[in-house]
Amino acid sequence: MNLKEKNITEDNFEQVAERLRALAHPVRIRILEELGTGRKCVSELSEKIGVSQTNLSQHLGLLKDRGWVKRKKEAVYVYYSLSDEGISMALTRIYEVIHRF
């Protein structure tokens, strides 16, 4: 079934494009990969990805605004996690398809 058969409108295409644009940076893809293994705080992500906490926070804010991640504050820590379990599977599928190019 193609997208037209699913009654996707031009507005929906714009929404999808806007959300996918959020993935157009290697740091953001790495963030999603890390969060695929479970929730993490900014300091954990910063250490694993190798970027400053300030830079990381900017990327996390954009991913949150576009719906890719969610955040939860506990005491002095802010934890991030994927907003949907299907994100990891979707990224895996994208990698598989791109690998064939």
C-alpha atoms as a PDB file:
ATOM      1  CA  MET A   1       0.000   0.000   0.000  1.00  0.00           C
ATOM      2  CA  ASN A   2       1.411   3.378  -0.931  1.00  0.00           C
ATOM      3  CA  LEU A   3       1.012   6.621   1.000  1.00  0.00           C
ATOM      4  CA  LYS A   4      -1.693   7.981  -1.302  1.00  0.00           C
ATOM      5  CA  GLU A   5      -3.865   4.952  -0.507  1.00  0.00           C
ATOM      6  CA  LYS A   6      -3.560   5.816   3.195  1.00  0.00           C
ATOM      7  CA  ASN A   7      -5.225   9.218   2.570  1.00  0.00           C
ATOM      8  CA  ILE A   8      -2.167  11.240   3.467  1.00  0.00           C
ATOM      9  CA  THR A   9      -2.652  14.886   2.590  1.00  0.00           C
ATOM     10  CA  GLU A  10      -0.128  17.516   1.542  1.00  0.00           C
ATOM     11  CA  ASP A  11      -0.206  18.858   5.110  1.00  0.00           C
ATOM     12  CA  ASN A  12       0.712  15.404   6.366  1.00  0.00           C
ATOM     13  CA  PHE A  13       3.643  15.272   3.939  1.00  0.00           C
ATOM     14  CA  GLU A  14       4.840  18.608   5.328  1.00  0.00           C
ATOM     15  CA  GLN A  15       4.593  17.281   8.891  1.00  0.00           C
ATOM     16  CA  VAL A  16       6.519  14.148   7.986  1.00  0.00           C
ATOM     17  CA  ALA A  17       9.195  16.178   6.196  1.00  0.00           C
ATOM     18  CA  GLU A  18       9.544  18.527   9.177  1.00  0.00           C
ATOM     19  CA  ARG A  19       9.964  15.617  11.582  1.00  0.00           C
ATOM     20  CA  LEU A  20      12.436  13.837   9.320  1.00  0.00           C
ATOM     21  CA  ARG A  21      14.521  17.013   8.970  1.00  0.00           C
ATOM     22  CA  ALA A  22      15.245  16.655  12.684  1.00  0.00           C
ATOM     23  CA  LEU A  23      17.215  13.509  11.824  1.00  0.00           C
ATOM     24  CA  ALA A  24      19.472  15.316   9.372  1.00  0.00           C
ATOM     25  CA  HIS A  25      22.363  15.570  11.805  1.00  0.00           C
ATOM     26  CA  PRO A  26      24.697  12.751  12.905  1.00  0.00           C
ATOM     27  CA  VAL A  27      24.561  13.755  16.583  1.00  0.00           C
ATOM     28  CA  ARG A  28      20.765  13.478  16.617  1.00  0.00           C
ATOM     29  CA  ILE A  29      20.882  10.040  15.027  1.00  0.00           C
ATOM     30  CA  ARG A  30      23.448   8.962  17.619  1.00  0.00           C
ATOM     31  CA  ILE A  31      21.194  10.293  20.383  1.00  0.00           C
ATOM     32  CA  LEU A  32      18.295   8.186  19.120  1.00  0.00           C
ATOM     33  CA  GLU A  33      20.567   5.152  18.896  1.00  0.00           C
ATOM     34  CA  GLU A  34      21.713   5.606  22.496  1.00  0.00           C
ATOM     35  CA  LEU A  35      18.173   6.128  23.742  1.00  0.00           C
ATOM     36  CA  GLY A  36      17.163   2.938  21.962  1.00  0.00           C
ATOM     37  CA  THR A  37      18.916   1.079  24.789  1.00  0.00           C
ATOM     38  CA  GLY A  38      16.954   2.923  27.484  1.00  0.00           C
ATOM     39  CA  ARG A  39      16.475   6.305  29.093  1.00  0.00           C
ATOM     40  CA  LYS A  40      19.513   8.394  29.874  1.00  0.00           C
ATOM     41  CA  CYS A  41      20.342  11.727  31.452  1.00  0.00           C
ATOM     42  CA  VAL A  42      22.208  14.457  29.590  1.00  0.00           C
ATOM     43  CA  SER A  43      25.533  13.717  31.293  1.00  0.00           C
ATOM     44  CA  GLU A  44      25.340  10.024  30.285  1.00  0.00           C
ATOM     45  CA  LEU A  45      24.502  10.908  26.700  1.00  0.00           C
ATOM     46  CA  SER A  46      27.217  13.556  26.569  1.00  0.00           C
ATOM     47  CA  GLU A  47      29.825  11.059  27.702  1.00  0.00           C
ATOM     48  CA  LYS A  48      28.709   8.302  25.322  1.00  0.00           C
ATOM     49  CA  ILE A  49      28.339  10.550  22.275  1.00  0.00           C
ATOM     50  CA  GLY A  50      31.317  12.798  22.965  1.00  0.00           C
ATOM     51  CA  VAL A  51      29.702  16.224  22.673  1.00  0.00           C
ATOM     52  CA  SER A  52      29.327  18.982  25.245  1.00  0.00           C
ATOM     53  CA  GLN A  53      26.232  19.020  27.414  1.00  0.00           C
ATOM     54  CA  THR A  54      25.289  22.427  25.992  1.00  0.00           C
ATOM     55  CA  ASN A  55      25.464  21.153  22.400  1.00  0.00           C
ATOM     56  CA  LEU A  56      23.649  17.967  23.362  1.00  0.00           C
ATOM     57  CA  SER A  57      20.861  19.885  25.097  1.00  0.00           C
ATOM     58  CA  GLN A  58      20.222  21.876  21.928  1.00  0.00           C
ATOM     59  CA  HIS A  59      19.903  18.684  19.882  1.00  0.00           C
ATOM     60  CA  LEU A  60      17.690  17.066  22.512  1.00  0.00           C
ATOM     61  CA  GLY A  61      15.434  20.136  22.533  1.00  0.00           C
ATOM     62  CA  LEU A  62      14.944  19.911  18.797  1.00  0.00           C
ATOM     63  CA  LEU A  63      14.268  16.158  18.945  1.00  0.00           C
ATOM     64  CA  LYS A  64      11.757  16.734  21.733  1.00  0.00           C
ATOM     65  CA  ASP A  65      10.014  19.535  19.834  1.00  0.00           C
ATOM     66  CA  ARG A  66       9.679  17.272  16.776  1.00  0.00           C
ATOM     67  CA  GLY A  67       8.292  14.392  18.831  1.00  0.00           C
ATOM     68  CA  TRP A  68      11.220  11.967  18.680  1.00  0.00           C
ATOM     69  CA  VAL A  69      12.076  11.999  22.385  1.00  0.00           C
ATOM     70  CA  LYS A  70      10.375  12.720  25.667  1.00  0.00           C
ATOM     71  CA  ARG A  71      11.847  13.997  28.896  1.00  0.00           C
ATOM     72  CA  LYS A  72      11.155  13.375  32.535  1.00  0.00           C
ATOM     73  CA  LYS A  73      12.619  15.315  35.435  1.00  0.00           C
ATOM     74  CA  GLU A  74      13.496  13.393  38.574  1.00  0.00           C
ATOM     75  CA  ALA A  75      15.015  15.429  41.389  1.00  0.00           C
ATOM     76  CA  VAL A  76      17.936  17.330  39.787  1.00  0.00           C
ATOM     77  CA  TYR A  77      18.231  15.031  36.762  1.00  0.00           C
ATOM     78  CA  VAL A  78      16.404  15.217  33.453  1.00  0.00           C
ATOM     79  CA  TYR A  79      16.041  11.873  31.716  1.00  0.00           C
ATOM     80  CA  TYR A  80      15.370  11.448  28.017  1.00  0.00           C
ATOM     81  CA  SER A  81      13.854   8.455  26.283  1.00  0.00           C
ATOM     82  CA  LEU A  82      12.407   7.627  22.879  1.00  0.00           C
ATOM     83  CA  SER A  83       8.833   8.801  22.525  1.00  0.00           C
ATOM     84  CA  ASP A  84       7.841   5.543  20.808  1.00  0.00           C
ATOM     85  CA  GLU A  85       9.311   2.046  20.854  1.00  0.00           C
ATOM     86  CA  GLY A  86       8.986   1.830  17.061  1.00  0.00           C
ATOM     87  CA  ILE A  87      11.668   4.480  16.531  1.00  0.00           C
ATOM     88  CA  SER A  88      14.522   2.015  17.027  1.00  0.00           C
ATOM     89  CA  MET A  89      12.945  -0.433  14.585  1.00  0.00           C
ATOM     90  CA  ALA A  90      12.365   2.335  12.040  1.00  0.00           C
ATOM     91  CA  LEU A  91      15.995   3.486  12.286  1.00  0.00           C
ATOM     92  CA  THR A  92      17.208  -0.078  11.844  1.00  0.00           C
ATOM     93  CA  ARG A  93      15.078  -0.420   8.728  1.00  0.00           C
ATOM     94  CA  ILE A  94      16.354   2.902   7.355  1.00  0.00           C
ATOM     95  CA  TYR A  95      19.965   1.762   7.912  1.00  0.00           C
ATOM     96  CA  GLU A  96      19.240  -1.489   6.075  1.00  0.00           C
ATOM     97  CA  VAL A  97      17.777   0.325   3.075  1.00  0.00           C
ATOM     98  CA  ILE A  98      20.535   2.968   2.931  1.00  0.00           C
ATOM     99  CA  HIS A  99      23.217   0.268   3.181  1.00  0.00           C
ATOM    100  CA  ARG A 100      21.962  -1.086  -0.168  1.00  0.00           C
ATOM    101  CA  PHE A 101      22.594   2.217  -2.007  1.00  0.00           C
END
